[in-house]
Amino acid sequence: MSVIIALAALALLMLAAYRGYSVILFAPIAALGAVLLTDPSAVAPAFTGVFMEKMVGFIKLYFPVFLLGAVFGKLIELSGFSRSIVAAAIHLLGTRQAMLVIVLVCALLTYGGVSLFVVVFAVYPFAAEMFRQSNIPKRLIPATIALGAFSFTMDALPGTPQIQNIIPSTFFNTTAWAAPWLGLIGTIFVFCAGMLFLQRQRNKAQRAGEGYGSDLRNEPETAADLKLPNPWLALSPLLAVGIMNLLFTHWIPQVYGKTHSLALPGMAAPVTTDIAKLTAIWAVQAALLVGILMVLVFGYKAISRKLAEGSKSAVSGALLAAMNTASEYGFGAVIASLPGFLVLADWLKSIPNPLVNEAITVTLLAGITGSASGGMSIALAAMSEQFISAAHAANIPLEVLHRVAAMASGGMDTLPHNGAVITLLAVTGLTHREAYKDIFCITLIKTLAVFVVIGTFYATGIV
């Protein structure tokens, strides 16, 4: 019964998200409804001590990233930089390659270390422009961005700095480059299958006479008579964000050390900060500030007239995206604390093959919590020792465990209640009903990829 309660809460939240209801409202309703059916006396403590604690903690850490990412994306839009990049890409590659360009740009940014949430804000303005000029349905933009930002560069491509590829290293004593050949095979599978699917959907829409669409929401605003800047100049802030993110990642620990103690005259006690836990976040924030300043310097003339209104729009978008994702984070924390979740986790331990066991466990927990990193952290914290023991008995390198765990985390995590999916749809001005079906197909491809990698390892022994 406890398992049914946990799954029912998940089903309610997914249904609410798909039907267009606010996740900010329904995440606590679904989570606390499950607590009510489990232990009525725990509802208020669970809301304050678990849901709100995790929700506020998420906002504390990540809201500045959402805010700076939204401002950066809005400035890219208002300055005409997005239109300039699109015009150059279409001139170079033609309108048939619009989807490929967007996927590659997203992949470049995420592999450079830019948060996938930031990528959504930064890429959407010129994705919308490119799809409009190529007459591709706008509803395919989320799936295209998801393929480039939420899939192979998140956890399959060797060396990716995304958190989903870093978490396994702390459990298996591996590096971000673990199992490089298997990672490359997984990357090729996801990229090729994903592009074939997107092209199929585009061709299908074209045969049906479906174009970009009309009466759309949250469309980018660029003055029609705006003189477009040089495309290399327009591209430079995007490249700067990726490059400066890497540089700040190295510089911040050198400047502050492992920990930093802040003691200002008016403080009752010093505040000690663990720099290692905040390096990635601070690096992204600093890199985005550099990108924002570059756009302001190079495109101020075009931006100045709409800067006030544009900044308000960016702040509104950032608040909505951050609150949606934070609510999801709180929901996952409450569900993970319920007995039904623990029963499900214990049941997963009975799967005999260590790699299949790990893949199914991680992707199911990521799906239930709506978080790749959250589901993987829970799974590995509870079962990593079992995975390691079984791998040693079967002569499986721990590098393979790392790659399978990372790729599995990015499988079923992108169900309708996933925070990144909700953010992506909110930024693009689309609903689950309009665009989620295509995102889910990318989710299925990504889920299948980890089993392709497992099969490849058993068939060839390649690592």
Foldseek 3Di string as FASTA:
>chain_A
DLLVLLVVLLVVLLVCQQVPHFLLPSLLVSLLSSVCVFPVVCSVVLVVVFLVVLLVVLCVQCLLLLLLLLLLLLLLLLLQLLVQLLVVCCVVPNLLCLLVVLLQLQQVQQQLQAALLSSLSNSLQNSLVSQQVSFFALLCVLQSSCLNHLFLLQFQAAPRPHVLLVVLCVLLVDDSRFQRVLSVLLNVLLVVVSVVLSSVVRVVCVVVVHTHDPPFPQHRDYDPPDDHDNNVLSCVLSVQLSVQLVVQLVVVCVVAPQKHWADDPVDPGIDIGRCVVRSNSVSNSVSSVVSSVSSCVVRVVSCVVCVVVSSVVSSVLSVSLSSLQSSLQSSLRSSCPGVSVVVVLVVLLPPQDLLVSLLVQLLVQLLSSLHLSVSLNVNCVVCVVVSVVSCVVVVHRVSLVSSLSSLSSSANSPRSSRSSSSSSCSNSRHGSNSHVVSNVVSSNSSSVSSVVSVVVCVVPVRD
